[in-house]
């Protein structure tokens, strides 16, 4: 990332208003929050693109979060993460998954650092991530400038490279064994950006969101449009999210570009209702809020992926439809400490173009604090 972004981070730390003493002095321990999640999973899969049965047992995630209110206007967040510990062939090394500063003054805010960029909501009530997150989550160092005014929020984020395209290519939504990408000239420049907006039509109950992401491509730009809604009415929660490719690069050796699209629809029923403080599944704080707000629930999800003829053109495969059914039960929760223990299960069926149907079973046991 360009040096001027880090220079801006130093400027935020030295902001005159930020150096002002906070209203009512707080002990450092009151300004620091420590959290984390440890979750183990069992997975069984039958058939699918590899046409074989397999079972696996692994630590799906080990996360440690540190959040600090440095001043009244400036906060910092760091998340250390290790995934798929014990899974053969997976990289289980501990990494910095999030590290960012957030400065806010009135309705204006700035966020600088590594995190899931504000493209997509990625609500999930199941063990696995939704298809839109599998294919289009973009995590990188970026600079976001935004405004929050009442129920409306809008932001612009700039970053470098082809983060979303790299993620999509490695998502497992289509066969890449016979494909290769042509990297764009000048991909290291700060020419990638995200425009996003949110509107709470009904406070804490109905949220609409939209986003536009654009990155450099080998011929033209790779652009994606995202949109959807998240609704909560009593014990019933519904989420709809779609991503549409507006512009795509051509893969090596192909004569045309394929503009894919993905749709995720989910419905969840909450048996125990708690305050809904955050939405989304891209950031640790939002995932943690899900566990607290939804201690006992059942959910189902239907998803579809349009490959625009890619599987047929290459003789490979791509996901067509995915059906998921599952639930989660928090059997222990201590309100004062925030400690929670839970179990979860999910059964998933995926149909493919050019490959047999796959069935999967996920079981999870986790603890969060």
Protein backbone atom coordinates (compact mmCIF):
# COMPACT_ATOMS: atom_id res chain seq x y z
CA UNK A 1 0.00 0.00 0.00
CA UNK A 2 1.25 3.47 -0.86
CA UNK A 3 3.19 5.30 1.80
CA UNK A 4 0.79 8.24 1.83
CA UNK A 5 -1.94 6.03 3.30
CA UNK A 6 0.26 5.23 6.27
CA UNK A 7 1.14 8.88 6.55
CA UNK A 8 -2.58 9.59 6.80
CA UNK A 9 -2.82 7.06 9.62
CA UNK A 10 -0.15 8.97 11.53
CA UNK A 11 -2.04 12.19 10.88
CA UNK A 12 -5.18 10.70 12.40
CA UNK A 13 -3.26 9.71 15.50
CA UNK A 14 -2.00 13.29 15.87
CA UNK A 15 -5.37 14.92 15.12
CA UNK A 16 -5.74 17.82 17.57
CA UNK A 17 -9.25 16.85 18.57
CA UNK A 18 -8.05 13.29 19.08
CA UNK A 19 -5.42 14.47 21.55
CA UNK A 20 -8.07 16.15 23.65
CA UNK A 21 -8.76 14.39 26.94
CA UNK A 22 -11.86 12.22 26.90
CA UNK A 23 -14.94 13.32 28.75
CA UNK A 24 -14.61 11.58 32.08
CA UNK A 25 -11.24 9.79 32.34
CA UNK A 26 -11.38 6.04 31.82
CA UNK A 27 -8.93 3.42 32.96
CA UNK A 28 -7.08 1.73 30.07
CA UNK A 29 -8.83 -1.57 30.84
CA UNK A 30 -12.19 0.10 30.23
CA UNK A 31 -11.02 1.22 26.81
CA UNK A 32 -9.75 -2.19 25.71
CA UNK A 33 -11.97 -5.12 24.72
CA UNK A 34 -10.60 -8.61 24.20
CA UNK A 35 -12.64 -11.25 22.41
CA UNK A 36 -12.24 -14.44 20.51
CA UNK A 37 -13.73 -17.59 19.04
CA UNK A 38 -12.53 -21.20 19.00
CA UNK A 39 -14.62 -23.50 16.80
CA UNK A 40 -14.06 -27.09 15.77
CA UNK A 41 -15.91 -28.69 12.89
CA UNK A 42 -16.68 -32.09 11.42
CA UNK A 43 -17.46 -32.30 7.69
CA UNK A 44 -18.77 -35.22 5.65
CA UNK A 45 -19.12 -34.93 1.87
CA UNK A 46 -20.41 -37.34 -0.76
CA UNK A 47 -19.87 -37.05 -4.52
CA UNK A 48 -19.62 -33.58 -6.09
CA UNK A 49 -16.89 -32.52 -8.56
CA UNK A 50 -14.37 -34.94 -7.04
CA UNK A 51 -16.97 -37.77 -7.06
CA UNK A 52 -15.77 -39.32 -3.79
CA UNK A 53 -16.82 -39.66 -0.17
CA UNK A 54 -14.72 -38.03 2.53
CA UNK A 55 -14.89 -36.97 6.17
CA UNK A 56 -12.74 -34.39 7.94
CA UNK A 57 -12.23 -33.11 11.47
CA UNK A 58 -10.46 -29.80 12.06
CA UNK A 59 -10.35 -26.50 13.96
CA UNK A 60 -12.32 -24.26 11.62
CA UNK A 61 -11.31 -21.01 13.27
CA UNK A 62 -9.19 -19.68 16.08
CA UNK A 63 -9.67 -15.92 16.45
CA UNK A 64 -8.38 -13.39 18.95
CA UNK A 65 -9.70 -9.83 18.76
CA UNK A 66 -8.37 -6.66 20.40
CA UNK A 67 -10.43 -3.47 20.19
CA UNK A 68 -9.32 -0.19 21.77
CA UNK A 69 -11.01 3.18 22.11
CA UNK A 70 -7.84 5.31 21.91
CA UNK A 71 -9.75 8.59 22.17
CA UNK A 72 -13.37 9.67 21.84
CA UNK A 73 -12.87 9.95 18.07
CA UNK A 74 -10.28 7.26 17.29
CA UNK A 75 -10.56 3.51 17.69
CA UNK A 76 -8.32 0.61 16.72
CA UNK A 77 -9.12 -3.03 16.00
CA UNK A 78 -6.85 -6.03 15.46
CA UNK A 79 -7.89 -9.63 14.77
CA UNK A 80 -5.50 -12.59 14.72
CA UNK A 81 -6.86 -15.60 12.88
CA UNK A 82 -5.97 -19.21 12.13
CA UNK A 83 -8.23 -21.41 10.00
CA UNK A 84 -8.46 -25.10 9.11
CA UNK A 85 -6.00 -26.33 11.73
CA UNK A 86 -5.62 -30.08 11.25
CA UNK A 87 -6.99 -30.13 7.70
CA UNK A 88 -4.55 -31.72 5.27
CA UNK A 89 -3.14 -29.29 2.71
CA UNK A 90 -4.52 -26.17 4.44
CA UNK A 91 -2.43 -23.24 5.68
CA UNK A 92 -3.22 -23.00 9.40
CA UNK A 93 -0.65 -20.33 10.27
CA UNK A 94 -1.70 -17.48 12.54
CA UNK A 95 -2.30 -14.34 10.51
CA UNK A 96 -3.41 -10.76 11.01
CA UNK A 97 -6.93 -10.95 9.58
CA UNK A 98 -8.03 -7.43 10.55
CA UNK A 99 -5.99 -4.38 11.54
CA UNK A 100 -7.54 -0.96 11.12
CA UNK A 101 -8.02 2.48 12.63
CA UNK A 102 -11.40 4.23 12.60
CA UNK A 103 -11.71 7.97 13.07
CA UNK A 104 -15.16 9.53 13.46
CA UNK A 105 -16.24 13.12 13.93
CA UNK A 106 -19.95 13.82 13.82
CA UNK A 107 -21.41 12.14 10.72
CA UNK A 108 -18.00 11.81 9.03
CA UNK A 109 -15.69 8.82 9.46
CA UNK A 110 -12.45 7.42 8.06
CA UNK A 111 -11.28 3.82 8.22
CA UNK A 112 -7.72 2.86 7.31
CA UNK A 113 -6.29 -0.64 7.38
CA UNK A 114 -6.92 -4.26 6.54
CA UNK A 115 -10.46 -5.58 6.82
CA UNK A 116 -13.35 -6.91 4.72
CA UNK A 117 -14.08 -4.01 2.39
CA UNK A 118 -17.66 -2.61 2.48
CA UNK A 119 -18.97 -4.54 -0.54
CA UNK A 120 -21.67 -7.01 0.49
CA UNK A 121 -23.44 -7.70 3.79
CA UNK A 122 -22.87 -11.50 4.02
CA UNK A 123 -25.50 -12.29 6.65
CA UNK A 124 -25.31 -15.97 7.65
CA UNK A 125 -27.36 -18.03 10.11
CA UNK A 126 -25.59 -21.27 9.23
CA UNK A 127 -22.16 -22.81 9.72
CA UNK A 128 -21.03 -22.17 6.15
CA UNK A 129 -20.73 -18.78 4.49
CA UNK A 130 -23.26 -17.73 1.84
CA UNK A 131 -22.29 -18.15 -1.81
CA UNK A 132 -22.03 -14.39 -2.33
CA UNK A 133 -19.36 -14.29 0.39
CA UNK A 134 -17.55 -17.34 -1.00
CA UNK A 135 -17.17 -15.58 -4.32
CA UNK A 136 -17.07 -11.87 -3.62
CA UNK A 137 -15.68 -11.06 -0.18
CA UNK A 138 -12.80 -8.62 -0.66
CA UNK A 139 -10.32 -8.32 2.20
CA UNK A 140 -7.38 -5.95 1.84
CA UNK A 141 -5.77 -2.77 3.11
CA UNK A 142 -7.88 0.18 2.04
CA UNK A 143 -8.99 3.68 2.93
CA UNK A 144 -12.70 4.35 3.47
CA UNK A 145 -14.29 7.78 3.77
CA UNK A 146 -17.95 7.81 4.72
CA UNK A 147 -20.93 9.66 6.14
CA UNK A 148 -23.56 8.40 8.59
CA UNK A 149 -26.64 10.60 8.85
CA UNK A 150 -29.64 9.14 10.64
CA UNK A 151 -30.70 5.90 8.90
CA UNK A 152 -28.46 6.49 5.85
CA UNK A 153 -24.79 5.66 5.36
CA UNK A 154 -22.63 6.08 2.25
CA UNK A 155 -18.90 5.53 1.69
CA UNK A 156 -16.07 5.44 -0.83
CA UNK A 157 -13.19 2.98 -0.41
CA UNK A 158 -9.95 2.92 -2.39
CA UNK A 159 -7.43 0.07 -2.48
CA UNK A 160 -5.00 -1.55 -4.89
CA UNK A 161 -4.88 -4.71 -6.96
CA UNK A 162 -7.43 -7.31 -8.08
CA UNK A 163 -8.61 -8.58 -4.70
CA UNK A 164 -12.14 -9.59 -5.64
CA UNK A 165 -11.14 -11.30 -8.88
CA UNK A 166 -8.47 -13.33 -7.08
CA UNK A 167 -11.03 -14.35 -4.46
CA UNK A 168 -13.62 -15.30 -7.10
CA UNK A 169 -11.06 -17.38 -9.01
CA UNK A 170 -10.25 -19.36 -5.86
CA UNK A 171 -13.84 -19.56 -4.54
CA UNK A 172 -14.67 -23.12 -5.64
CA UNK A 173 -17.79 -21.93 -7.47
CA UNK A 174 -16.38 -23.05 -10.83
CA UNK A 175 -13.65 -25.29 -12.21
CA UNK A 176 -10.34 -23.45 -12.63
CA UNK A 177 -8.16 -26.46 -13.50
CA UNK A 178 -8.11 -25.48 -17.18
CA UNK A 179 -8.18 -21.71 -16.68
CA UNK A 180 -5.56 -19.05 -16.05
CA UNK A 181 -5.83 -15.31 -15.56
CA UNK A 182 -4.03 -12.57 -17.46
CA UNK A 183 -2.85 -9.98 -14.94
CA UNK A 184 -3.54 -6.36 -15.73
CA UNK A 185 -0.82 -3.78 -16.27
CA UNK A 186 -0.48 -1.41 -13.33
CA UNK A 187 -2.51 -3.63 -11.00
CA UNK A 188 -0.45 -2.40 -8.04
CA UNK A 189 -1.74 1.14 -8.47
CA UNK A 190 -4.45 2.63 -6.26
CA UNK A 191 -7.09 2.27 -8.96
CA UNK A 192 -9.56 -0.10 -7.30
CA UNK A 193 -12.55 1.30 -5.46
CA UNK A 194 -15.88 0.49 -3.79
CA UNK A 195 -18.95 2.73 -3.59
CA UNK A 196 -21.50 1.54 -1.03
CA UNK A 197 -24.66 2.76 0.69
CA UNK A 198 -27.05 1.50 3.38
CA UNK A 199 -30.51 2.66 4.44
CA UNK A 200 -32.40 1.53 7.54
CA UNK A 201 -35.97 1.86 6.26
CA UNK A 202 -37.15 0.63 9.67
CA UNK A 203 -34.64 1.08 12.51
CA UNK A 204 -33.02 -2.24 13.46
CA UNK A 205 -35.66 -4.10 11.42
CA UNK A 206 -35.32 -3.45 7.69
CA UNK A 207 -32.04 -2.63 5.96
CA UNK A 208 -31.42 -2.05 2.24
CA UNK A 209 -27.88 -1.98 0.87
CA UNK A 210 -26.12 -1.55 -2.46
CA UNK A 211 -22.49 -1.52 -3.59
CA UNK A 212 -20.39 -1.07 -6.72
CA UNK A 213 -16.81 -2.43 -6.95
CA UNK A 214 -14.33 -1.85 -9.76
CA UNK A 215 -10.81 -3.23 -10.25
CA UNK A 216 -8.31 -3.13 -13.13
CA UNK A 217 -8.48 -5.98 -15.64
CA UNK A 218 -6.37 -7.21 -18.51
CA UNK A 219 -8.85 -5.70 -20.99
CA UNK A 220 -11.17 -3.15 -19.41
CA UNK A 221 -12.18 -3.18 -15.76
CA UNK A 222 -13.65 -5.94 -13.60
CA UNK A 223 -16.80 -4.42 -12.12
CA UNK A 224 -19.43 -5.93 -9.82
CA UNK A 225 -22.79 -4.71 -8.52
CA UNK A 226 -24.10 -5.88 -5.14
CA UNK A 227 -27.46 -5.32 -3.47
CA UNK A 228 -30.05 -6.76 -1.15
CA UNK A 229 -31.97 -6.44 2.08
CA UNK A 230 -31.96 -7.76 5.63
CA UNK A 231 -35.21 -7.87 7.58
CA UNK A 232 -36.08 -8.80 11.17
CA UNK A 233 -39.73 -8.99 12.22
CA UNK A 234 -40.14 -10.55 15.62
CA UNK A 235 -38.63 -14.06 15.60
CA UNK A 236 -38.44 -14.20 11.79
CA UNK A 237 -35.36 -12.96 9.92
CA UNK A 238 -34.98 -12.86 6.14
CA UNK A 239 -31.99 -11.96 4.00
CA UNK A 240 -31.58 -11.55 0.26
CA UNK A 241 -28.31 -10.66 -1.46
CA UNK A 242 -27.16 -10.75 -5.06
CA UNK A 243 -23.96 -9.94 -6.96
CA UNK A 244 -23.92 -9.26 -10.70
CA UNK A 245 -20.78 -9.00 -12.83
CA UNK A 246 -21.01 -5.88 -15.00
CA UNK A 247 -17.58 -6.27 -16.60
CA UNK A 248 -15.13 -9.18 -16.65
CA UNK A 249 -11.68 -9.95 -18.03
CA UNK A 250 -11.16 -12.79 -20.49
CA UNK A 251 -9.39 -15.85 -19.17
CA UNK A 252 -6.29 -17.07 -21.00
CA UNK A 253 -7.17 -18.74 -24.32
CA UNK A 254 -10.89 -17.86 -24.31
CA UNK A 255 -12.46 -15.63 -26.93
CA UNK A 256 -15.05 -13.98 -24.71
CA UNK A 257 -15.58 -12.80 -21.15
CA UNK A 258 -18.11 -14.52 -18.91
CA UNK A 259 -20.20 -12.27 -16.66
CA UNK A 260 -21.39 -14.44 -13.79
CA UNK A 261 -23.93 -13.70 -11.04
CA UNK A 262 -24.82 -15.15 -7.62
CA UNK A 263 -27.93 -15.02 -5.44
CA UNK A 264 -28.40 -16.01 -1.78
CA UNK A 265 -31.81 -16.13 -0.03
CA UNK A 266 -32.15 -17.18 3.60
CA UNK A 267 -34.85 -17.43 6.26
CA UNK A 268 -34.23 -17.94 9.98
CA UNK A 269 -36.51 -18.38 12.99
CA UNK A 270 -35.29 -17.24 16.41
CA UNK A 271 -36.60 -19.08 19.47
CA UNK A 272 -34.84 -16.67 21.86
CA UNK A 273 -34.91 -12.98 20.98
CA UNK A 274 -32.14 -10.59 21.96
CA UNK A 275 -31.19 -7.10 20.83
CA UNK A 276 -29.93 -7.00 17.25
CA UNK A 277 -26.84 -4.79 17.52
CA UNK A 278 -25.06 -5.45 14.21
CA UNK A 279 -25.67 -7.07 10.84
CA UNK A 280 -23.29 -8.67 8.38
CA UNK A 281 -20.70 -11.42 8.46
CA UNK A 282 -17.57 -9.87 7.02
CA UNK A 283 -16.08 -8.45 10.23
CA UNK A 284 -15.39 -10.25 13.51
CA UNK A 285 -17.57 -7.86 15.52
CA UNK A 286 -20.58 -8.65 13.31
CA UNK A 287 -20.04 -12.42 13.48
CA UNK A 288 -19.72 -12.19 17.25
CA UNK A 289 -22.96 -10.15 17.42
CA UNK A 290 -24.76 -12.95 15.59
CA UNK A 291 -23.78 -15.48 18.24
CA UNK A 292 -25.02 -13.25 21.06
CA UNK A 293 -28.25 -12.11 19.39
CA UNK A 294 -29.26 -15.52 18.01
CA UNK A 295 -28.60 -18.19 20.68
CA UNK A 296 -31.27 -20.62 19.46
CA UNK A 297 -32.34 -20.65 15.83
CA UNK A 298 -33.09 -22.75 12.77
CA UNK A 299 -32.39 -21.52 9.25
CA UNK A 300 -32.64 -22.49 5.61
CA UNK A 301 -30.93 -21.01 2.57
CA UNK A 302 -31.25 -21.34 -1.20
CA UNK A 303 -28.53 -20.07 -3.53
CA UNK A 304 -27.96 -19.99 -7.26
CA UNK A 305 -24.89 -19.29 -9.38
CA UNK A 306 -25.11 -18.22 -13.04
CA UNK A 307 -21.83 -18.99 -14.82
CA UNK A 308 -22.86 -17.36 -18.17
CA UNK A 309 -21.90 -20.55 -20.01
CA UNK A 310 -18.37 -20.87 -18.61
CA UNK A 311 -18.63 -24.57 -17.68
CA UNK A 312 -19.98 -25.50 -21.09
CA UNK A 313 -17.35 -23.46 -22.94
CA UNK A 314 -14.44 -24.99 -21.01
CA UNK A 315 -15.75 -28.52 -20.50
CA UNK A 316 -15.45 -28.04 -16.74
CA UNK A 317 -18.01 -27.65 -13.97
CA UNK A 318 -19.67 -24.90 -11.94
CA UNK A 319 -22.09 -24.75 -9.03
CA UNK A 320 -25.74 -24.39 -10.07
CA UNK A 321 -27.94 -24.50 -6.93
CA UNK A 322 -27.21 -24.93 -3.25
CA UNK A 323 -29.73 -25.80 -0.53
CA UNK A 324 -28.82 -25.59 3.18
CA UNK A 325 -30.73 -26.40 6.38
CA UNK A 326 -29.34 -26.06 9.88
CA UNK A 327 -29.49 -24.58 13.34
CA UNK A 328 -27.49 -23.37 16.32
CA UNK A 329 -27.99 -23.73 20.08
CA UNK A 330 -26.02 -21.79 22.69
CA UNK A 331 -26.13 -24.07 25.74
CA UNK A 332 -24.17 -21.66 27.95
CA UNK A 333 -24.09 -17.86 28.09
CA UNK A 334 -22.68 -15.63 30.84
CA UNK A 335 -23.93 -12.08 30.28
CA UNK A 336 -21.33 -10.28 32.42
CA UNK A 337 -18.26 -11.95 30.90
CA UNK A 338 -19.73 -12.56 27.45
CA UNK A 339 -18.60 -16.20 27.49
CA UNK A 340 -20.72 -18.42 25.25
CA UNK A 341 -20.61 -22.09 24.26
CA UNK A 342 -22.65 -23.44 21.36
CA UNK A 343 -23.29 -26.34 19.02
CA UNK A 344 -24.45 -26.12 15.41
CA UNK A 345 -25.35 -28.37 12.50
CA UNK A 346 -25.91 -27.89 8.77
CA UNK A 347 -26.93 -30.20 5.95
CA UNK A 348 -26.16 -28.92 2.43
CA UNK A 349 -26.92 -30.18 -1.07
CA UNK A 350 -25.23 -28.66 -4.12
CA UNK A 351 -26.05 -29.30 -7.76
CA UNK A 352 -23.50 -28.66 -10.52
CA UNK A 353 -23.17 -28.16 -14.22
CA UNK A 354 -20.85 -30.88 -15.51
CA UNK A 355 -20.49 -32.76 -12.18
CA UNK A 356 -22.66 -34.96 -9.93
CA UNK A 357 -24.67 -33.59 -7.02
CA UNK A 358 -22.86 -33.23 -3.68
CA UNK A 359 -24.21 -33.78 -0.18
CA UNK A 360 -22.46 -32.33 2.87
CA UNK A 361 -22.97 -32.49 6.62
CA UNK A 362 -21.32 -30.01 9.00
CA UNK A 363 -21.23 -30.26 12.81
CA UNK A 364 -19.64 -27.55 14.95
CA UNK A 365 -18.74 -27.06 18.60
CA UNK A 366 -17.51 -23.65 19.63
CA UNK A 367 -16.78 -21.17 22.40
CA UNK A 368 -16.83 -17.39 22.14
CA UNK A 369 -15.96 -14.62 24.58
